[in-house]
Amino acid sequence: VAAIFSGGTTNYASSVKCRFTASRDAAKNTVYLQ
C-alpha cells in the first residue's frame, strides 16, 4: 500500500495515492499510515 524509505522517500499504490500518507516519528521509532 505504502512505503517509506530510510531517507524519507515515500511510495504509494495507485489505488491509495492522494488518500493515504505514510510518515514517521524517529523519536518514537514509529511509522504511521494516515
PDB file of all heavy atoms in Angstrom:
ATOM      1  N   VAL A   1       0.828  -1.200   0.000  1.00  0.00           N
ATOM      2  CA  VAL A   1       0.000   0.000   0.000  1.00  0.00           C
ATOM      3  C   VAL A   1       0.866   1.255   0.000  1.00  0.00           C
ATOM      4  O   VAL A   1       0.635   2.184  -0.780  1.00  0.00           O
ATOM      5  CB  VAL A   1      -0.929   0.003   1.223  1.00  0.00           C
ATOM      6  CG1 VAL A   1      -1.696   1.317   1.330  1.00  0.00           C
ATOM      7  CG2 VAL A   1      -1.895  -1.172   1.166  1.00  0.00           C
ATOM      8  N   ALA A   2       1.846   1.280   0.881  1.00  0.00           N
ATOM      9  CA  ALA A   2       2.697   2.457   1.019  1.00  0.00           C
ATOM     10  C   ALA A   2       4.038   2.037   1.595  1.00  0.00           C
ATOM     11  O   ALA A   2       4.118   1.051   2.339  1.00  0.00           O
ATOM     12  CB  ALA A   2       2.043   3.496   1.926  1.00  0.00           C
ATOM     13  N   ALA A   3       5.073   2.780   1.248  1.00  0.00           N
ATOM     14  CA  ALA A   3       6.407   2.513   1.769  1.00  0.00           C
ATOM     15  C   ALA A   3       7.097   3.821   2.069  1.00  0.00           C
ATOM     16  O   ALA A   3       6.868   4.828   1.383  1.00  0.00           O
ATOM     17  CB  ALA A   3       7.226   1.692   0.775  1.00  0.00           C
ATOM     18  N   ILE A   4       7.934   3.783   3.105  1.00  0.00           N
ATOM     19  CA  ILE A   4       8.747   4.949   3.435  1.00  0.00           C
ATOM     20  C   ILE A   4      10.161   4.450   3.647  1.00  0.00           C
ATOM     21  O   ILE A   4      10.409   3.522   4.423  1.00  0.00           O
ATOM     22  CB  ILE A   4       8.182   5.703   4.655  1.00  0.00           C
ATOM     23  CG1 ILE A   4       8.987   6.955   4.937  1.00  0.00           C
ATOM     24  CG2 ILE A   4       8.081   4.808   5.887  1.00  0.00           C
ATOM     25  CD1 ILE A   4       8.281   7.937   5.873  1.00  0.00           C
ATOM     26  N   PHE A   5      11.102   5.054   2.919  1.00  0.00           N
ATOM     27  CA  PHE A   5      12.478   4.613   2.939  1.00  0.00           C
ATOM     28  C   PHE A   5      13.265   5.383   4.006  1.00  0.00           C
ATOM     29  O   PHE A   5      12.823   6.421   4.493  1.00  0.00           O
ATOM     30  CB  PHE A   5      13.101   4.791   1.561  1.00  0.00           C
ATOM     31  CG  PHE A   5      12.495   3.888   0.527  1.00  0.00           C
ATOM     32  CD1 PHE A   5      11.310   4.231  -0.118  1.00  0.00           C
ATOM     33  CD2 PHE A   5      13.083   2.679   0.205  1.00  0.00           C
ATOM     34  CE1 PHE A   5      10.735   3.395  -1.066  1.00  0.00           C
ATOM     35  CE2 PHE A   5      12.529   1.835  -0.732  1.00  0.00           C
ATOM     36  CZ  PHE A   5      11.345   2.195  -1.373  1.00  0.00           C
ATOM     37  N   SER A   6      14.438   4.863   4.322  1.00  0.00           N
ATOM     38  CA  SER A   6      15.225   5.461   5.400  1.00  0.00           C
ATOM     39  C   SER A   6      15.554   6.929   5.121  1.00  0.00           C
ATOM     40  O   SER A   6      15.665   7.728   6.038  1.00  0.00           O
ATOM     41  CB  SER A   6      16.511   4.663   5.628  1.00  0.00           C
ATOM     42  OG  SER A   6      17.260   4.565   4.439  1.00  0.00           O
ATOM     43  N   GLY A   7      15.685   7.285   3.842  1.00  0.00           N
ATOM     44  CA  GLY A   7      15.971   8.666   3.502  1.00  0.00           C
ATOM     45  C   GLY A   7      14.749   9.562   3.508  1.00  0.00           C
ATOM     46  O   GLY A   7      14.870  10.777   3.342  1.00  0.00           O
ATOM     47  N   GLY A   8      13.573   8.965   3.681  1.00  0.00           N
ATOM     48  CA  GLY A   8      12.345   9.754   3.762  1.00  0.00           C
ATOM     49  C   GLY A   8      11.462   9.680   2.532  1.00  0.00           C
ATOM     50  O   GLY A   8      10.319  10.157   2.553  1.00  0.00           O
ATOM     51  N   THR A   9      11.948   9.096   1.455  1.00  0.00           N
ATOM     52  CA  THR A   9      11.133   8.961   0.247  1.00  0.00           C
ATOM     53  C   THR A   9       9.937   8.031   0.520  1.00  0.00           C
ATOM     54  O   THR A   9      10.056   7.061   1.258  1.00  0.00           O
ATOM     55  CB  THR A   9      11.959   8.373  -0.897  1.00  0.00           C
ATOM     56  OG1 THR A   9      13.100   9.201  -1.116  1.00  0.00           O
ATOM     57  CG2 THR A   9      11.150   8.295  -2.186  1.00  0.00           C
ATOM     58  N   THR A  10       8.811   8.377  -0.086  1.00  0.00           N
ATOM     59  CA  THR A  10       7.619   7.550   0.069  1.00  0.00           C
ATOM     60  C   THR A  10       7.116   7.080  -1.291  1.00  0.00           C
ATOM     61  O   THR A  10       7.294   7.765  -2.308  1.00  0.00           O
ATOM     62  CB  THR A  10       6.492   8.309   0.782  1.00  0.00           C
ATOM     63  OG1 THR A  10       6.250   9.538   0.095  1.00  0.00           O
ATOM     64  CG2 THR A  10       6.878   8.608   2.225  1.00  0.00           C
ATOM     65  N   ASN A  11       6.491   5.920  -1.310  1.00  0.00           N
ATOM     66  CA  ASN A  11       5.831   5.391  -2.497  1.00  0.00           C
ATOM     67  C   ASN A  11       4.445   4.912  -2.091  1.00  0.00           C
ATOM     68  O   ASN A  11       4.244   4.452  -0.969  1.00  0.00           O
ATOM     69  CB  ASN A  11       6.606   4.193  -3.065  1.00  0.00           C
ATOM     70  CG  ASN A  11       7.842   4.619  -3.821  1.00  0.00           C
ATOM     71  OD1 ASN A  11       7.952   5.768  -4.240  1.00  0.00           O
ATOM     72  ND2 ASN A  11       8.764   3.705  -3.998  1.00  0.00           N
ATOM     73  N   TYR A  12       3.517   4.983  -3.037  1.00  0.00           N
ATOM     74  CA  TYR A  12       2.148   4.577  -2.759  1.00  0.00           C
ATOM     75  C   TYR A  12       1.588   3.768  -3.922  1.00  0.00           C
ATOM     76  O   TYR A  12       1.927   4.003  -5.084  1.00  0.00           O
ATOM     77  CB  TYR A  12       1.254   5.799  -2.538  1.00  0.00           C
ATOM     78  CG  TYR A  12       1.682   6.664  -1.388  1.00  0.00           C
ATOM     79  CD1 TYR A  12       2.499   7.774  -1.589  1.00  0.00           C
ATOM     80  CD2 TYR A  12       1.288   6.358  -0.085  1.00  0.00           C
ATOM     81  CE1 TYR A  12       2.913   8.555  -0.531  1.00  0.00           C
ATOM     82  CE2 TYR A  12       1.699   7.141   0.983  1.00  0.00           C
ATOM     83  CZ  TYR A  12       2.512   8.235   0.751  1.00  0.00           C
ATOM     84  OH  TYR A  12       2.914   9.005   1.811  1.00  0.00           O
ATOM     85  N   ALA A  13       0.709   2.834  -3.589  1.00  0.00           N
ATOM     86  CA  ALA A  13      -0.050   2.153  -4.629  1.00  0.00           C
ATOM     87  C   ALA A  13      -0.978   3.169  -5.292  1.00  0.00           C
ATOM     88  O   ALA A  13      -1.462   4.101  -4.635  1.00  0.00           O
ATOM     89  CB  ALA A  13      -0.862   1.013  -4.024  1.00  0.00           C
ATOM     90  N   SER A  14      -1.240   2.982  -6.564  1.00  0.00           N
ATOM     91  CA  SER A  14      -2.062   3.946  -7.291  1.00  0.00           C
ATOM     92  C   SER A  14      -3.466   4.040  -6.693  1.00  0.00           C
ATOM     93  O   SER A  14      -4.104   5.087  -6.735  1.00  0.00           O
ATOM     94  CB  SER A  14      -2.139   3.575  -8.768  1.00  0.00           C
ATOM     95  OG  SER A  14      -2.651   2.255  -8.925  1.00  0.00           O
ATOM     96  N   SER A  15      -3.942   2.945  -6.099  1.00  0.00           N
ATOM     97  CA  SER A  15      -5.304   2.924  -5.557  1.00  0.00           C
ATOM     98  C   SER A  15      -5.460   3.779  -4.309  1.00  0.00           C
ATOM     99  O   SER A  15      -6.588   4.110  -3.925  1.00  0.00           O
ATOM    100  CB  SER A  15      -5.721   1.485  -5.255  1.00  0.00           C
ATOM    101  OG  SER A  15      -4.833   0.898  -4.311  1.00  0.00           O
ATOM    102  N   VAL A  16      -4.352   4.141  -3.671  1.00  0.00           N
ATOM    103  CA  VAL A  16      -4.440   4.916  -2.429  1.00  0.00           C
ATOM    104  C   VAL A  16      -3.761   6.273  -2.531  1.00  0.00           C
ATOM    105  O   VAL A  16      -3.826   7.070  -1.578  1.00  0.00           O
ATOM    106  CB  VAL A  16      -3.848   4.129  -1.231  1.00  0.00           C
ATOM    107  CG1 VAL A  16      -4.478   2.759  -1.121  1.00  0.00           C
ATOM    108  CG2 VAL A  16      -2.337   4.038  -1.303  1.00  0.00           C
ATOM    109  N   LYS A  17      -3.101   6.540  -3.647  1.00  0.00           N
ATOM    110  CA  LYS A  17      -2.379   7.801  -3.797  1.00  0.00           C
ATOM    111  C   LYS A  17      -3.349   8.967  -3.622  1.00  0.00           C
ATOM    112  O   LYS A  17      -4.482   8.927  -4.100  1.00  0.00           O
ATOM    113  CB  LYS A  17      -1.723   7.842  -5.174  1.00  0.00           C
ATOM    114  CG  LYS A  17      -0.561   8.797  -5.288  1.00  0.00           C
ATOM    115  CD  LYS A  17       0.183   8.607  -6.605  1.00  0.00           C
ATOM    116  CE  LYS A  17       0.971   7.316  -6.606  1.00  0.00           C
ATOM    117  NZ  LYS A  17       1.819   7.175  -7.810  1.00  0.00           N
ATOM    118  N   CYS A  18      -2.877   9.981  -2.919  1.00  0.00           N
ATOM    119  CA  CYS A  18      -3.663  11.185  -2.615  1.00  0.00           C
ATOM    120  C   CYS A  18      -4.682  10.959  -1.501  1.00  0.00           C
ATOM    121  O   CYS A  18      -5.349  11.912  -1.081  1.00  0.00           O
ATOM    122  CB  CYS A  18      -4.392  11.738  -3.839  1.00  0.00           C
ATOM    123  SG  CYS A  18      -3.296  12.238  -5.171  1.00  0.00           S
ATOM    124  N   ARG A  19      -4.819   9.724  -1.019  1.00  0.00           N
ATOM    125  CA  ARG A  19      -5.713   9.466   0.123  1.00  0.00           C
ATOM    126  C   ARG A  19      -4.939   9.000   1.350  1.00  0.00           C
ATOM    127  O   ARG A  19      -5.330   9.317   2.480  1.00  0.00           O
ATOM    128  CB  ARG A  19      -6.750   8.394  -0.242  1.00  0.00           C
ATOM    129  CG  ARG A  19      -7.688   8.789  -1.367  1.00  0.00           C
ATOM    130  CD  ARG A  19      -8.835   7.786  -1.512  1.00  0.00           C
ATOM    131  NE  ARG A  19      -8.367   6.440  -1.837  1.00  0.00           N
ATOM    132  CZ  ARG A  19      -8.642   5.363  -1.090  1.00  0.00           C
ATOM    133  NH1 ARG A  19      -9.365   5.472   0.006  1.00  0.00           N
ATOM    134  NH2 ARG A  19      -8.201   4.179  -1.472  1.00  0.00           N
ATOM    135  N   PHE A  20      -3.871   8.262   1.131  1.00  0.00           N
ATOM    136  CA  PHE A  20      -3.085   7.723   2.234  1.00  0.00           C
ATOM    137  C   PHE A  20      -1.744   8.459   2.306  1.00  0.00           C
ATOM    138  O   PHE A  20      -1.167   8.811   1.270  1.00  0.00           O
ATOM    139  CB  PHE A  20      -2.811   6.235   2.033  1.00  0.00           C
ATOM    140  CG  PHE A  20      -4.008   5.331   2.183  1.00  0.00           C
ATOM    141  CD1 PHE A  20      -5.309   5.826   2.250  1.00  0.00           C
ATOM    142  CD2 PHE A  20      -3.833   3.955   2.257  1.00  0.00           C
ATOM    143  CE1 PHE A  20      -6.400   4.990   2.379  1.00  0.00           C
ATOM    144  CE2 PHE A  20      -4.913   3.093   2.394  1.00  0.00           C
ATOM    145  CZ  PHE A  20      -6.198   3.614   2.449  1.00  0.00           C
ATOM    146  N   THR A  21      -1.234   8.617   3.517  1.00  0.00           N
ATOM    147  CA  THR A  21       0.056   9.260   3.722  1.00  0.00           C
ATOM    148  C   THR A  21       0.864   8.481   4.761  1.00  0.00           C
ATOM    149  O   THR A  21       0.364   8.225   5.867  1.00  0.00           O
ATOM    150  CB  THR A  21      -0.104  10.703   4.198  1.00  0.00           C
ATOM    151  OG1 THR A  21      -0.875  11.437   3.242  1.00  0.00           O
ATOM    152  CG2 THR A  21       1.263  11.370   4.351  1.00  0.00           C
ATOM    153  N   ALA A  22       2.078   8.103   4.396  1.00  0.00           N
ATOM    154  CA  ALA A  22       2.997   7.453   5.327  1.00  0.00           C
ATOM    155  C   ALA A  22       3.912   8.505   5.934  1.00  0.00           C
ATOM    156  O   ALA A  22       4.389   9.398   5.229  1.00  0.00           O
ATOM    157  CB  ALA A  22       3.821   6.393   4.603  1.00  0.00           C
ATOM    158  N   SER A  23       4.125   8.401   7.228  1.00  0.00           N
ATOM    159  CA  SER A  23       5.009   9.340   7.905  1.00  0.00           C
ATOM    160  C   SER A  23       5.726   8.612   9.036  1.00  0.00           C
ATOM    161  O   SER A  23       5.451   7.435   9.296  1.00  0.00           O
ATOM    162  CB  SER A  23       4.230  10.544   8.452  1.00  0.00           C
ATOM    163  OG  SER A  23       3.284  10.111   9.419  1.00  0.00           O
ATOM    164  N   ARG A  24       6.635   9.311   9.713  1.00  0.00           N
ATOM    165  CA  ARG A  24       7.378   8.642  10.771  1.00  0.00           C
ATOM    166  C   ARG A  24       7.742   9.627  11.876  1.00  0.00           C
ATOM    167  O   ARG A  24       7.845  10.834  11.628  1.00  0.00           O
ATOM    168  CB  ARG A  24       8.647   8.010  10.212  1.00  0.00           C
ATOM    169  CG  ARG A  24       9.588   9.000   9.559  1.00  0.00           C
ATOM    170  CD  ARG A  24      10.717   8.299   8.838  1.00  0.00           C
ATOM    171  NE  ARG A  24      11.621   9.268   8.221  1.00  0.00           N
ATOM    172  CZ  ARG A  24      12.694   8.930   7.513  1.00  0.00           C
ATOM    173  NH1 ARG A  24      12.987   7.646   7.328  1.00  0.00           N
ATOM    174  NH2 ARG A  24      13.466   9.858   6.991  1.00  0.00           N
ATOM    175  N   ASP A  25       7.918   9.063  13.053  1.00  0.00           N
ATOM    176  CA  ASP A  25       8.379   9.818  14.214  1.00  0.00           C
ATOM    177  C   ASP A  25       9.595   9.071  14.748  1.00  0.00           C
ATOM    178  O   ASP A  25       9.445   8.049  15.427  1.00  0.00           O
ATOM    179  CB  ASP A  25       7.259   9.917  15.255  1.00  0.00           C
ATOM    180  CG  ASP A  25       7.646  10.774  16.446  1.00  0.00           C
ATOM    181  OD1 ASP A  25       8.862  10.950  16.701  1.00  0.00           O
ATOM    182  OD2 ASP A  25       6.738  11.271  17.126  1.00  0.00           O
ATOM    183  N   ALA A  26      10.784   9.572  14.437  1.00  0.00           N
ATOM    184  CA  ALA A  26      12.011   8.862  14.807  1.00  0.00           C
ATOM    185  C   ALA A  26      12.177   8.773  16.316  1.00  0.00           C
ATOM    186  O   ALA A  26      12.702   7.778  16.831  1.00  0.00           O
ATOM    187  CB  ALA A  26      13.215   9.554  14.183  1.00  0.00           C
ATOM    188  N   ALA A  27      11.719   9.770  17.034  1.00  0.00           N
ATOM    189  CA  ALA A  27      11.866   9.762  18.495  1.00  0.00           C
ATOM    190  C   ALA A  27      11.076   8.621  19.129  1.00  0.00           C
ATOM    191  O   ALA A  27      11.429   8.122  20.194  1.00  0.00           O
ATOM    192  CB  ALA A  27      11.423  11.098  19.073  1.00  0.00           C
ATOM    193  N   LYS A  28      10.000   8.211  18.454  1.00  0.00           N
ATOM    194  CA  LYS A  28       9.156   7.131  18.970  1.00  0.00           C
ATOM    195  C   LYS A  28       9.381   5.823  18.218  1.00  0.00           C
ATOM    196  O   LYS A  28       8.712   4.825  18.515  1.00  0.00           O
ATOM    197  CB  LYS A  28       7.679   7.521  18.862  1.00  0.00           C
ATOM    198  CG  LYS A  28       7.296   8.713  19.707  1.00  0.00           C
ATOM    199  CD  LYS A  28       5.809   9.025  19.564  1.00  0.00           C
ATOM    200  CE  LYS A  28       5.427  10.214  20.437  1.00  0.00           C
ATOM    201  NZ  LYS A  28       3.987  10.550  20.297  1.00  0.00           N
ATOM    202  N   ASN A  29      10.309   5.822  17.245  1.00  0.00           N
ATOM    203  CA  ASN A  29      10.529   4.630  16.405  1.00  0.00           C
ATOM    204  C   ASN A  29       9.222   4.100  15.839  1.00  0.00           C
ATOM    205  O   ASN A  29       8.957   2.896  15.837  1.00  0.00           O
ATOM    206  CB  ASN A  29      11.243   3.524  17.199  1.00  0.00           C
ATOM    207  CG  ASN A  29      12.689   3.853  17.444  1.00  0.00           C
ATOM    208  OD1 ASN A  29      13.321   4.568  16.662  1.00  0.00           O
ATOM    209  ND2 ASN A  29      13.228   3.363  18.544  1.00  0.00           N
ATOM    210  N   THR A  30       8.421   5.016  15.365  1.00  0.00           N
ATOM    211  CA  THR A  30       7.076   4.672  14.912  1.00  0.00           C
ATOM    212  C   THR A  30       6.822   5.257  13.534  1.00  0.00           C
ATOM    213  O   THR A  30       7.193   6.402  13.261  1.00  0.00           O
ATOM    214  CB  THR A  30       6.028   5.181  15.907  1.00  0.00           C
ATOM    215  OG1 THR A  30       6.233   4.556  17.174  1.00  0.00           O
ATOM    216  CG2 THR A  30       4.613   4.853  15.434  1.00  0.00           C
ATOM    217  N   VAL A  31       6.213   4.466  12.679  1.00  0.00           N
ATOM    218  CA  VAL A  31       5.728   4.967  11.400  1.00  0.00           C
ATOM    219  C   VAL A  31       4.209   4.941  11.437  1.00  0.00           C
ATOM    220  O   VAL A  31       3.606   4.168  12.184  1.00  0.00           O
ATOM    221  CB  VAL A  31       6.255   4.150  10.207  1.00  0.00           C
ATOM    222  CG1 VAL A  31       7.769   4.298  10.096  1.00  0.00           C
ATOM    223  CG2 VAL A  31       5.854   2.695  10.317  1.00  0.00           C
ATOM    224  N   TYR A  32       3.629   5.800  10.629  1.00  0.00           N
ATOM    225  CA  TYR A  32       2.176   5.948  10.623  1.00  0.00           C
ATOM    226  C   TYR A  32       1.648   5.833   9.197  1.00  0.00           C
ATOM    227  O   TYR A  32       2.316   6.229   8.236  1.00  0.00           O
ATOM    228  CB  TYR A  32       1.774   7.308  11.182  1.00  0.00           C
ATOM    229  CG  TYR A  32       2.247   7.560  12.591  1.00  0.00           C
ATOM    230  CD1 TYR A  32       3.448   8.224  12.825  1.00  0.00           C
ATOM    231  CD2 TYR A  32       1.486   7.147  13.686  1.00  0.00           C
ATOM    232  CE1 TYR A  32       3.887   8.457  14.111  1.00  0.00           C
ATOM    233  CE2 TYR A  32       1.919   7.392  14.978  1.00  0.00           C
ATOM    234  CZ  TYR A  32       3.118   8.035  15.184  1.00  0.00           C
ATOM    235  OH  TYR A  32       3.554   8.276  16.476  1.00  0.00           O
ATOM    236  N   LEU A  33       0.452   5.313   9.089  1.00  0.00           N
ATOM    237  CA  LEU A  33      -0.274   5.350   7.833  1.00  0.00           C
ATOM    238  C   LEU A  33      -1.571   6.105   8.096  1.00  0.00           C
ATOM    239  O   LEU A  33      -2.471   5.597   8.768  1.00  0.00           O
ATOM    240  CB  LEU A  33      -0.569   3.950   7.300  1.00  0.00           C
ATOM    241  CG  LEU A  33      -1.236   3.911   5.937  1.00  0.00           C
ATOM    242  CD1 LEU A  33      -0.286   4.450   4.862  1.00  0.00           C
ATOM    243  CD2 LEU A  33      -1.693   2.502   5.571  1.00  0.00           C
ATOM    244  N   GLN A  34      -1.619   7.317   7.598  1.00  0.00           N
ATOM    245  CA  GLN A  34      -2.838   8.120   7.706  1.00  0.00           C
ATOM    246  C   GLN A  34      -3.708   7.810   6.499  1.00  0.00           C
ATOM    247  O   GLN A  34      -3.279   7.999   5.357  1.00  0.00           O
ATOM    248  CB  GLN A  34      -2.502   9.608   7.754  1.00  0.00           C
ATOM    249  CG  GLN A  34      -3.730  10.511   7.800  1.00  0.00           C
ATOM    250  CD  GLN A  34      -4.517  10.382   9.085  1.00  0.00           C
ATOM    251  OE1 GLN A  34      -3.945  10.355  10.161  1.00  0.00           O
ATOM    252  NE2 GLN A  34      -5.845  10.296   8.974  1.00  0.00           N
TER     253      GLN A  34
END
